[in-house]
Amino acid sequence: MEHKIIAIGDSLTFGFPFRQERSWVGILRNEYGINIVNKGINGDYTSGMLYRFEDDVVKEQPSHVIITGGANDAFGFVPYGDMIYNYREMIDIAVSNNIIPIVGITPPVDDEFAEKKLLKFRFSIKEYCFSKNLAIIDFYSKMVDPKKGLMKDIYDFDGAHPSPEGHKAMAEEALKVLENSINKG
């Protein structure tokens, strides 16, 4: 069976400030031959992702969807409960349409207020995924400098977006999870 994967998200998925081909999604497609479509939109919030989920994901009839977002919500003062609700809704819509959801755990950012909210968000989303037996791609653990709590310098472009090396690391982390998920499903 041919697997088709949609990656929905914000600028971290799109690949800002680089071209989509240099994003972690582009690397998966171009270097590893994964059938994956980039539906990242720069500046998007989880509410925007939820709003376009039907058109950008469900109508495409993929086998899997990778959902990665939340940084813009944290920077934009979106209530934590709304972030969780939007993620759960996207997961539920995917499951109800026989699409396997995989949740990308948002990488660290260097804004104290936003990162504090994201830490709580990451914890809650991981707990939810574990309770539902859903796969996660832990971009955070891969990219965080445990001494600083920020993105490792080699992976950091501007305090919020990954460098080319960061996108490569994200692609490698995603590949491990995708290979496992595709082999199961």
N, C-alpha and C. Protein backbone atom coordinates (compact mmCIF):
# COMPACT_ATOMS: atom_id res chain seq x y z
N MET A 1 0.84 -1.20 0.00
CA MET A 1 0.00 0.00 0.00
C MET A 1 0.88 1.25 0.00
N GLU A 2 0.55 2.18 -0.85
CA GLU A 2 1.27 3.45 -0.92
C GLU A 2 0.80 4.36 0.22
N HIS A 3 1.76 4.86 0.97
CA HIS A 3 1.43 5.76 2.07
C HIS A 3 1.58 7.20 1.59
N LYS A 4 0.61 8.02 1.98
CA LYS A 4 0.67 9.45 1.69
C LYS A 4 0.57 10.17 3.02
N ILE A 5 1.48 11.07 3.25
CA ILE A 5 1.54 11.79 4.52
C ILE A 5 1.36 13.28 4.26
N ILE A 6 0.54 13.91 5.08
CA ILE A 6 0.40 15.36 5.07
C ILE A 6 1.04 15.89 6.34
N ALA A 7 1.87 16.91 6.21
CA ALA A 7 2.43 17.60 7.37
C ALA A 7 1.73 18.96 7.45
N ILE A 8 0.92 19.14 8.49
CA ILE A 8 0.21 20.41 8.68
C ILE A 8 0.86 21.14 9.85
N GLY A 9 1.02 22.45 9.69
CA GLY A 9 1.66 23.20 10.75
C GLY A 9 1.84 24.66 10.40
N ASP A 10 2.83 25.24 11.05
CA ASP A 10 3.13 26.66 10.91
C ASP A 10 4.46 26.82 10.16
N SER A 11 5.20 27.87 10.47
CA SER A 11 6.47 28.14 9.79
C SER A 11 7.51 27.06 10.04
N LEU A 12 7.42 26.37 11.17
CA LEU A 12 8.37 25.29 11.45
C LEU A 12 8.19 24.14 10.47
N THR A 13 6.98 23.93 10.03
CA THR A 13 6.70 22.91 9.01
C THR A 13 7.00 23.46 7.62
N PHE A 14 6.57 24.69 7.35
CA PHE A 14 6.81 25.31 6.05
C PHE A 14 8.30 25.35 5.72
N GLY A 15 9.12 25.74 6.72
CA GLY A 15 10.56 25.83 6.52
C GLY A 15 11.12 27.24 6.61
N PHE A 16 10.31 28.20 7.09
CA PHE A 16 10.76 29.59 7.22
C PHE A 16 12.09 29.63 7.97
N PRO A 17 13.03 30.46 7.55
CA PRO A 17 13.01 31.43 6.47
C PRO A 17 13.55 30.87 5.15
N PHE A 18 13.61 29.58 5.05
CA PHE A 18 14.16 28.92 3.87
C PHE A 18 13.04 28.47 2.94
N ARG A 19 13.39 27.92 1.82
CA ARG A 19 12.40 27.38 0.89
C ARG A 19 11.84 26.07 1.45
N GLN A 20 10.64 25.72 1.01
CA GLN A 20 10.01 24.48 1.48
C GLN A 20 10.90 23.26 1.23
N GLU A 21 11.65 23.26 0.15
CA GLU A 21 12.50 22.11 -0.17
C GLU A 21 13.57 21.89 0.89
N ARG A 22 13.92 22.94 1.64
CA ARG A 22 14.96 22.83 2.67
C ARG A 22 14.37 22.59 4.06
N SER A 23 13.05 22.51 4.15
CA SER A 23 12.39 22.22 5.43
C SER A 23 12.57 20.74 5.76
N TRP A 24 12.25 20.38 6.99
CA TRP A 24 12.34 18.97 7.37
C TRP A 24 11.41 18.12 6.52
N VAL A 25 10.27 18.69 6.11
CA VAL A 25 9.33 17.98 5.24
C VAL A 25 9.95 17.78 3.85
N GLY A 26 10.56 18.83 3.32
CA GLY A 26 11.23 18.73 2.03
C GLY A 26 12.37 17.74 2.04
N ILE A 27 13.11 17.70 3.13
CA ILE A 27 14.22 16.74 3.26
C ILE A 27 13.67 15.32 3.26
N LEU A 28 12.58 15.08 3.99
CA LEU A 28 11.98 13.74 3.98
C LEU A 28 11.57 13.33 2.57
N ARG A 29 11.00 14.26 1.83
CA ARG A 29 10.54 13.96 0.47
C ARG A 29 11.72 13.79 -0.49
N ASN A 30 12.63 14.75 -0.48
CA ASN A 30 13.68 14.80 -1.49
C ASN A 30 14.87 13.89 -1.20
N GLU A 31 15.22 13.71 0.07
CA GLU A 31 16.40 12.90 0.40
C GLU A 31 16.05 11.48 0.82
N TYR A 32 14.85 11.27 1.33
CA TYR A 32 14.48 9.94 1.83
C TYR A 32 13.35 9.31 1.03
N GLY A 33 12.81 10.02 0.05
CA GLY A 33 11.78 9.45 -0.82
C GLY A 33 10.43 9.21 -0.16
N ILE A 34 10.15 9.94 0.92
CA ILE A 34 8.87 9.81 1.61
C ILE A 34 7.80 10.58 0.83
N ASN A 35 6.65 9.97 0.65
CA ASN A 35 5.52 10.63 -0.03
C ASN A 35 4.82 11.54 0.98
N ILE A 36 5.30 12.77 1.07
CA ILE A 36 4.82 13.71 2.08
C ILE A 36 4.56 15.07 1.43
N VAL A 37 3.47 15.71 1.86
CA VAL A 37 3.05 17.01 1.33
C VAL A 37 3.16 18.04 2.45
N ASN A 38 3.78 19.19 2.15
CA ASN A 38 3.98 20.25 3.12
C ASN A 38 2.78 21.20 3.11
N LYS A 39 2.03 21.20 4.21
CA LYS A 39 0.89 22.11 4.39
C LYS A 39 1.17 23.07 5.55
N GLY A 40 2.43 23.47 5.68
CA GLY A 40 2.79 24.47 6.68
C GLY A 40 2.52 25.86 6.15
N ILE A 41 2.01 26.73 7.01
CA ILE A 41 1.76 28.13 6.65
C ILE A 41 2.46 29.02 7.68
N ASN A 42 3.32 29.90 7.18
CA ASN A 42 4.03 30.82 8.07
C ASN A 42 3.05 31.65 8.89
N GLY A 43 3.30 31.72 10.19
CA GLY A 43 2.48 32.54 11.08
C GLY A 43 1.18 31.91 11.52
N ASP A 44 0.92 30.66 11.13
CA ASP A 44 -0.36 30.04 11.46
C ASP A 44 -0.44 29.68 12.94
N TYR A 45 -1.65 29.74 13.44
CA TYR A 45 -1.97 29.32 14.80
C TYR A 45 -2.63 27.94 14.74
N THR A 46 -2.75 27.28 15.88
CA THR A 46 -3.44 25.98 15.89
C THR A 46 -4.89 26.14 15.47
N SER A 47 -5.50 27.29 15.74
CA SER A 47 -6.88 27.52 15.29
C SER A 47 -6.96 27.57 13.77
N GLY A 48 -5.97 28.15 13.13
CA GLY A 48 -5.92 28.18 11.67
C GLY A 48 -5.70 26.80 11.09
N MET A 49 -4.85 26.03 11.76
CA MET A 49 -4.61 24.65 11.32
C MET A 49 -5.91 23.84 11.40
N LEU A 50 -6.63 24.01 12.51
CA LEU A 50 -7.91 23.31 12.68
C LEU A 50 -8.91 23.76 11.62
N TYR A 51 -8.97 25.06 11.35
CA TYR A 51 -9.91 25.61 10.38
C TYR A 51 -9.68 25.01 8.98
N ARG A 52 -8.43 24.81 8.61
CA ARG A 52 -8.14 24.31 7.26
C ARG A 52 -7.89 22.80 7.22
N PHE A 53 -8.07 22.13 8.34
CA PHE A 53 -7.77 20.69 8.42
C PHE A 53 -8.58 19.87 7.42
N GLU A 54 -9.85 20.19 7.28
CA GLU A 54 -10.71 19.45 6.35
C GLU A 54 -10.18 19.56 4.92
N ASP A 55 -9.88 20.79 4.48
CA ASP A 55 -9.41 21.01 3.11
C ASP A 55 -7.97 20.53 2.90
N ASP A 56 -7.09 20.86 3.84
CA ASP A 56 -5.67 20.56 3.65
C ASP A 56 -5.29 19.13 3.98
N VAL A 57 -6.09 18.47 4.80
CA VAL A 57 -5.74 17.10 5.19
C VAL A 57 -6.80 16.10 4.73
N VAL A 58 -8.00 16.19 5.26
CA VAL A 58 -9.02 15.16 5.03
C VAL A 58 -9.31 14.98 3.54
N LYS A 59 -9.49 16.07 2.81
CA LYS A 59 -9.80 15.96 1.37
C LYS A 59 -8.67 15.33 0.56
N GLU A 60 -7.45 15.38 1.09
CA GLU A 60 -6.30 14.78 0.41
C GLU A 60 -6.23 13.26 0.62
N GLN A 61 -7.01 12.75 1.56
CA GLN A 61 -7.09 11.32 1.88
C GLN A 61 -5.71 10.68 2.12
N PRO A 62 -4.93 11.25 3.04
CA PRO A 62 -3.63 10.65 3.33
C PRO A 62 -3.79 9.44 4.25
N SER A 63 -2.74 8.65 4.34
CA SER A 63 -2.73 7.55 5.31
C SER A 63 -2.36 8.08 6.70
N HIS A 64 -1.52 9.13 6.73
CA HIS A 64 -1.01 9.71 7.98
C HIS A 64 -1.05 11.23 7.89
N VAL A 65 -1.13 11.87 9.05
CA VAL A 65 -0.96 13.32 9.14
C VAL A 65 -0.02 13.60 10.31
N ILE A 66 0.94 14.49 10.07
CA ILE A 66 1.82 14.97 11.14
C ILE A 66 1.34 16.37 11.50
N ILE A 67 0.98 16.55 12.76
CA ILE A 67 0.45 17.82 13.26
C ILE A 67 1.51 18.47 14.14
N THR A 68 2.02 19.63 13.72
CA THR A 68 3.06 20.32 14.49
C THR A 68 2.75 21.81 14.52
N GLY A 69 2.49 22.35 15.68
CA GLY A 69 2.21 23.77 15.81
C GLY A 69 2.24 24.18 17.27
N GLY A 70 1.83 25.42 17.51
CA GLY A 70 1.71 25.91 18.87
C GLY A 70 2.63 27.07 19.22
N ALA A 71 3.75 27.22 18.50
CA ALA A 71 4.68 28.30 18.85
C ALA A 71 4.03 29.67 18.65
N ASN A 72 3.34 29.85 17.54
CA ASN A 72 2.69 31.15 17.30
C ASN A 72 1.59 31.42 18.33
N ASP A 73 0.89 30.37 18.73
CA ASP A 73 -0.12 30.52 19.79
C ASP A 73 0.53 31.05 21.06
N ALA A 74 1.68 30.46 21.41
CA ALA A 74 2.36 30.85 22.64
C ALA A 74 2.86 32.29 22.55
N PHE A 75 3.42 32.66 21.42
CA PHE A 75 3.86 34.05 21.23
C PHE A 75 2.67 35.00 21.16
N GLY A 76 1.54 34.52 20.66
CA GLY A 76 0.37 35.36 20.43
C GLY A 76 -0.65 35.38 21.55
N PHE A 77 -0.28 34.88 22.71
CA PHE A 77 -1.14 34.95 23.89
C PHE A 77 -2.44 34.17 23.75
N VAL A 78 -2.44 33.12 22.96
CA VAL A 78 -3.61 32.24 22.86
C VAL A 78 -3.70 31.44 24.15
N PRO A 79 -4.88 31.35 24.76
CA PRO A 79 -5.00 30.57 26.00
C PRO A 79 -4.57 29.12 25.79
N TYR A 80 -3.88 28.62 26.79
CA TYR A 80 -3.36 27.25 26.78
C TYR A 80 -4.47 26.24 26.47
N GLY A 81 -5.63 26.40 27.06
CA GLY A 81 -6.75 25.47 26.83
C GLY A 81 -7.19 25.43 25.38
N ASP A 82 -7.12 26.57 24.70
CA ASP A 82 -7.48 26.62 23.28
C ASP A 82 -6.48 25.83 22.44
N MET A 83 -5.20 25.92 22.80
CA MET A 83 -4.17 25.17 22.07
C MET A 83 -4.43 23.67 22.18
N ILE A 84 -4.71 23.21 23.38
CA ILE A 84 -4.98 21.78 23.62
C ILE A 84 -6.24 21.36 22.86
N TYR A 85 -7.29 22.17 22.96
CA TYR A 85 -8.55 21.86 22.27
C TYR A 85 -8.31 21.70 20.76
N ASN A 86 -7.58 22.64 20.16
CA ASN A 86 -7.35 22.60 18.71
C ASN A 86 -6.59 21.34 18.30
N TYR A 87 -5.60 20.97 19.07
CA TYR A 87 -4.85 19.75 18.77
C TYR A 87 -5.74 18.52 18.88
N ARG A 88 -6.49 18.44 19.97
CA ARG A 88 -7.37 17.28 20.17
C ARG A 88 -8.41 17.17 19.06
N GLU A 89 -8.95 18.30 18.63
CA GLU A 89 -9.92 18.29 17.53
C GLU A 89 -9.29 17.77 16.24
N MET A 90 -8.08 18.24 15.93
CA MET A 90 -7.41 17.76 14.71
C MET A 90 -7.15 16.26 14.79
N ILE A 91 -6.72 15.81 15.96
CA ILE A 91 -6.48 14.37 16.15
C ILE A 91 -7.78 13.60 15.96
N ASP A 92 -8.85 14.07 16.59
CA ASP A 92 -10.15 13.38 16.48
C ASP A 92 -10.67 13.35 15.05
N ILE A 93 -10.53 14.46 14.33
CA ILE A 93 -10.96 14.51 12.93
C ILE A 93 -10.16 13.51 12.11
N ALA A 94 -8.86 13.46 12.33
CA ALA A 94 -8.02 12.50 11.60
C ALA A 94 -8.49 11.08 11.86
N VAL A 95 -8.63 10.72 13.12
CA VAL A 95 -9.02 9.35 13.49
C VAL A 95 -10.38 9.01 12.89
N SER A 96 -11.33 9.94 12.96
CA SER A 96 -12.68 9.66 12.44
C SER A 96 -12.69 9.52 10.92
N ASN A 97 -11.62 9.95 10.26
CA ASN A 97 -11.50 9.81 8.81
C ASN A 97 -10.45 8.76 8.42
N ASN A 98 -10.14 7.88 9.36
CA ASN A 98 -9.19 6.78 9.12
C ASN A 98 -7.81 7.27 8.68
N ILE A 99 -7.40 8.40 9.23
CA ILE A 99 -6.07 8.95 9.00
C ILE A 99 -5.29 8.78 10.30
N ILE A 100 -4.10 8.24 10.22
CA ILE A 100 -3.29 8.02 11.42
C ILE A 100 -2.61 9.33 11.80
N PRO A 101 -2.95 9.89 12.98
CA PRO A 101 -2.30 11.13 13.40
C PRO A 101 -0.97 10.84 14.10
N ILE A 102 0.01 11.64 13.76
CA ILE A 102 1.31 11.64 14.44
C ILE A 102 1.52 13.07 14.90
N VAL A 103 1.88 13.24 16.15
CA VAL A 103 1.98 14.58 16.72
C VAL A 103 3.44 14.99 16.85
N GLY A 104 3.77 16.12 16.22
CA GLY A 104 5.10 16.71 16.36
C GLY A 104 5.13 17.59 17.60
N ILE A 105 6.10 17.32 18.47
CA ILE A 105 6.25 18.10 19.70
C ILE A 105 7.11 19.32 19.38
N THR A 106 6.54 20.51 19.57
CA THR A 106 7.14 21.78 19.17
C THR A 106 8.54 21.97 19.76
N PRO A 107 9.51 22.36 18.92
CA PRO A 107 10.86 22.64 19.42
C PRO A 107 10.87 23.82 20.39
N PRO A 108 11.97 23.97 21.14
CA PRO A 108 12.07 25.09 22.08
C PRO A 108 12.20 26.43 21.37
N VAL A 109 11.77 27.48 22.07
CA VAL A 109 11.93 28.86 21.60
C VAL A 109 12.67 29.65 22.68
N ASP A 110 13.24 30.79 22.31
CA ASP A 110 14.04 31.53 23.30
C ASP A 110 13.32 32.72 23.93
N ASP A 111 12.00 32.66 23.96
CA ASP A 111 11.19 33.66 24.64
C ASP A 111 10.66 33.02 25.92
N GLU A 112 11.00 33.61 27.07
CA GLU A 112 10.67 33.00 28.36
C GLU A 112 9.16 32.78 28.54
N PHE A 113 8.36 33.79 28.21
CA PHE A 113 6.91 33.67 28.37
C PHE A 113 6.35 32.58 27.47
N ALA A 114 6.72 32.62 26.19
CA ALA A 114 6.22 31.62 25.23
C ALA A 114 6.69 30.22 25.60
N GLU A 115 7.94 30.10 25.99
CA GLU A 115 8.49 28.78 26.32
C GLU A 115 7.81 28.19 27.56
N LYS A 116 7.48 29.04 28.52
CA LYS A 116 6.78 28.55 29.72
C LYS A 116 5.43 27.93 29.34
N LYS A 117 4.70 28.60 28.45
CA LYS A 117 3.41 28.08 27.99
C LYS A 117 3.62 26.81 27.16
N LEU A 118 4.65 26.81 26.32
CA LEU A 118 4.91 25.64 25.48
C LEU A 118 5.32 24.41 26.29
N LEU A 119 6.04 24.62 27.39
CA LEU A 119 6.41 23.48 28.24
C LEU A 119 5.16 22.77 28.76
N LYS A 120 4.21 23.55 29.23
CA LYS A 120 2.95 23.01 29.73
C LYS A 120 2.17 22.34 28.60
N PHE A 121 2.13 22.99 27.44
CA PHE A 121 1.44 22.47 26.26
C PHE A 121 2.06 21.14 25.82
N ARG A 122 3.39 21.10 25.72
CA ARG A 122 4.07 19.86 25.31
C ARG A 122 3.74 18.72 26.26
N PHE A 123 3.81 19.00 27.55
CA PHE A 123 3.53 17.96 28.55
C PHE A 123 2.12 17.41 28.37
N SER A 124 1.15 18.30 28.24
CA SER A 124 -0.25 17.87 28.10
C SER A 124 -0.49 17.09 26.82
N ILE A 125 0.10 17.55 25.72
CA ILE A 125 -0.08 16.86 24.44
C ILE A 125 0.57 15.49 24.48
N LYS A 126 1.76 15.40 25.07
CA LYS A 126 2.42 14.08 25.19
C LYS A 126 1.56 13.13 26.01
N GLU A 127 1.04 13.61 27.14
CA GLU A 127 0.17 12.77 27.98
C GLU A 127 -1.05 12.30 27.20
N TYR A 128 -1.66 13.21 26.45
CA TYR A 128 -2.84 12.86 25.65
C TYR A 128 -2.48 11.80 24.61
N CYS A 129 -1.39 12.00 23.92
CA CYS A 129 -0.96 11.04 22.90
C CYS A 129 -0.67 9.67 23.51
N PHE A 130 0.01 9.66 24.64
CA PHE A 130 0.29 8.38 25.30
C PHE A 130 -1.01 7.69 25.72
N SER A 131 -1.98 8.46 26.20
CA SER A 131 -3.25 7.88 26.64
C SER A 131 -4.04 7.30 25.46
N LYS A 132 -3.82 7.84 24.27
CA LYS A 132 -4.52 7.37 23.06
C LYS A 132 -3.65 6.45 22.20
N ASN A 133 -2.45 6.15 22.71
CA ASN A 133 -1.50 5.29 21.98
C ASN A 133 -1.14 5.87 20.61
N LEU A 134 -0.93 7.18 20.56
CA LEU A 134 -0.57 7.87 19.32
C LEU A 134 0.93 8.10 19.27
N ALA A 135 1.49 8.02 18.09
CA ALA A 135 2.92 8.28 17.90
C ALA A 135 3.19 9.78 18.02
N ILE A 136 4.36 10.09 18.57
CA ILE A 136 4.82 11.47 18.61
C ILE A 136 6.20 11.54 17.97
N ILE A 137 6.48 12.70 17.40
CA ILE A 137 7.84 13.02 16.95
C ILE A 137 8.32 14.08 17.91
N ASP A 138 9.26 13.72 18.77
CA ASP A 138 9.68 14.62 19.83
C ASP A 138 10.79 15.56 19.35
N PHE A 139 10.38 16.55 18.56
CA PHE A 139 11.32 17.54 18.07
C PHE A 139 11.96 18.30 19.24
N TYR A 140 11.19 18.51 20.29
CA TYR A 140 11.71 19.25 21.45
C TYR A 140 12.92 18.55 22.05
N SER A 141 12.78 17.29 22.42
CA SER A 141 13.89 16.58 23.07
C SER A 141 15.10 16.47 22.16
N LYS A 142 14.87 16.33 20.87
CA LYS A 142 15.97 16.24 19.90
C LYS A 142 16.75 17.55 19.84
N MET A 143 16.05 18.67 19.98
CA MET A 143 16.66 19.96 19.68
C MET A 143 17.01 20.83 20.88
N VAL A 144 16.55 20.46 22.07
CA VAL A 144 16.78 21.30 23.24
C VAL A 144 18.19 21.10 23.80
N ASP A 145 18.77 22.20 24.23
CA ASP A 145 20.02 22.16 24.99
C ASP A 145 19.60 22.04 26.45
N PRO A 146 19.81 20.86 27.07
CA PRO A 146 19.29 20.66 28.43
C PRO A 146 19.87 21.62 29.46
N LYS A 147 21.05 22.16 29.21
CA LYS A 147 21.65 23.09 30.16
C LYS A 147 20.98 24.46 30.11
N LYS A 148 20.55 24.86 28.92
CA LYS A 148 19.97 26.20 28.75
C LYS A 148 18.45 26.18 28.64
N GLY A 149 17.88 25.04 28.26
CA GLY A 149 16.44 24.98 28.02
C GLY A 149 16.03 25.66 26.72
N LEU A 150 17.01 25.97 25.89
CA LEU A 150 16.77 26.61 24.60
C LEU A 150 17.17 25.65 23.49
N MET A 151 16.90 26.04 22.26
CA MET A 151 17.32 25.23 21.13
C MET A 151 18.85 25.20 21.08
N LYS A 152 19.40 24.02 20.80
CA LYS A 152 20.85 23.91 20.65
C LYS A 152 21.30 24.89 19.57
N ASP A 153 22.46 25.53 19.83
CA ASP A 153 22.95 26.57 18.92
C ASP A 153 23.03 26.09 17.47
N ILE A 154 23.50 24.87 17.25
CA ILE A 154 23.65 24.36 15.88
C ILE A 154 22.31 24.26 15.16
N TYR A 155 21.23 24.08 15.91
CA TYR A 155 19.90 23.91 15.32
C TYR A 155 19.11 25.22 15.24
N ASP A 156 19.63 26.28 15.85
CA ASP A 156 18.88 27.52 16.02
C ASP A 156 19.21 28.53 14.93
N PHE A 157 18.18 29.05 14.28
CA PHE A 157 18.38 30.13 13.30
C PHE A 157 18.17 31.50 13.94
N ASP A 158 17.04 31.67 14.65
CA ASP A 158 16.70 33.00 15.17
C ASP A 158 15.99 32.98 16.52
N GLY A 159 16.08 31.88 17.24
CA GLY A 159 15.42 31.79 18.53
C GLY A 159 14.03 31.19 18.46
N ALA A 160 13.50 31.04 17.25
CA ALA A 160 12.17 30.44 17.08
C ALA A 160 12.13 29.45 15.92
N HIS A 161 13.02 29.62 14.96
CA HIS A 161 13.02 28.77 13.76
C HIS A 161 14.32 27.98 13.66
N PRO A 162 14.24 26.77 13.13
CA PRO A 162 15.44 25.96 12.99
C PRO A 162 16.34 26.43 11.84
N SER A 163 17.63 26.21 12.03
CA SER A 163 18.63 26.42 10.99
C SER A 163 18.54 25.26 9.99
N PRO A 164 19.31 25.30 8.90
CA PRO A 164 19.34 24.13 8.01
C PRO A 164 19.70 22.84 8.75
N GLU A 165 20.64 22.93 9.69
CA GLU A 165 21.00 21.76 10.49
C GLU A 165 19.84 21.32 11.37
N GLY A 166 19.06 22.29 11.85
CA GLY A 166 17.88 21.98 12.65
C GLY A 166 16.82 21.24 11.84
N HIS A 167 16.61 21.68 10.61
CA HIS A 167 15.64 20.99 9.75
C HIS A 167 16.11 19.57 9.43
N LYS A 168 17.42 19.40 9.24
CA LYS A 168 17.96 18.06 8.99
C LYS A 168 17.71 17.17 10.21
N ALA A 169 17.96 17.70 11.41
CA ALA A 169 17.72 16.93 12.64
C ALA A 169 16.24 16.59 12.79
N MET A 170 15.36 17.53 12.46
CA MET A 170 13.93 17.27 12.53
C MET A 170 13.53 16.17 11.55
N ALA A 171 14.10 16.22 10.34
CA ALA A 171 13.80 15.18 9.34
C ALA A 171 14.24 13.81 9.84
N GLU A 172 15.41 13.74 10.44
CA GLU A 172 15.92 12.46 10.95
C GLU A 172 15.02 11.92 12.06
N GLU A 173 14.58 12.81 12.95
CA GLU A 173 13.70 12.40 14.04
C GLU A 173 12.35 11.93 13.49
N ALA A 174 11.82 12.67 12.53
CA ALA A 174 10.54 12.29 11.91
C ALA A 174 10.66 10.96 11.18
N LEU A 175 11.78 10.75 10.50
CA LEU A 175 11.97 9.52 9.73
C LEU A 175 11.90 8.29 10.63
N LYS A 176 12.53 8.37 11.81
CA LYS A 176 12.50 7.24 12.75
C LYS A 176 11.06 6.87 13.11
N VAL A 177 10.27 7.89 13.42
CA VAL A 177 8.88 7.65 13.83
C VAL A 177 8.05 7.18 12.65
N LEU A 178 8.23 7.79 11.50
CA LEU A 178 7.47 7.40 10.31
C LEU A 178 7.75 5.96 9.91
N GLU A 179 9.00 5.57 9.92
CA GLU A 179 9.34 4.19 9.56
C GLU A 179 8.63 3.21 10.48
N ASN A 180 8.61 3.51 11.76
CA ASN A 180 7.94 2.65 12.74
C ASN A 180 6.43 2.65 12.52
N SER A 181 5.85 3.83 12.31
CA SER A 181 4.40 3.94 12.13
C SER A 181 3.94 3.28 10.84
N ILE A 182 4.68 3.48 9.77
CA ILE A 182 4.31 2.90 8.47
C ILE A 182 4.45 1.38 8.51
N ASN A 183 5.47 0.89 9.18
CA ASN A 183 5.64 -0.56 9.29
C ASN A 183 4.54 -1.21 10.12
N LYS A 184 3.98 -0.46 11.09
CA LYS A 184 2.86 -0.96 11.90
C LYS A 184 1.57 -0.96 11.10
N GLY A 185 1.35 0.17 10.36
CA GLY A 185 0.07 0.38 9.71
C GLY A 185 0.07 -0.09 8.29
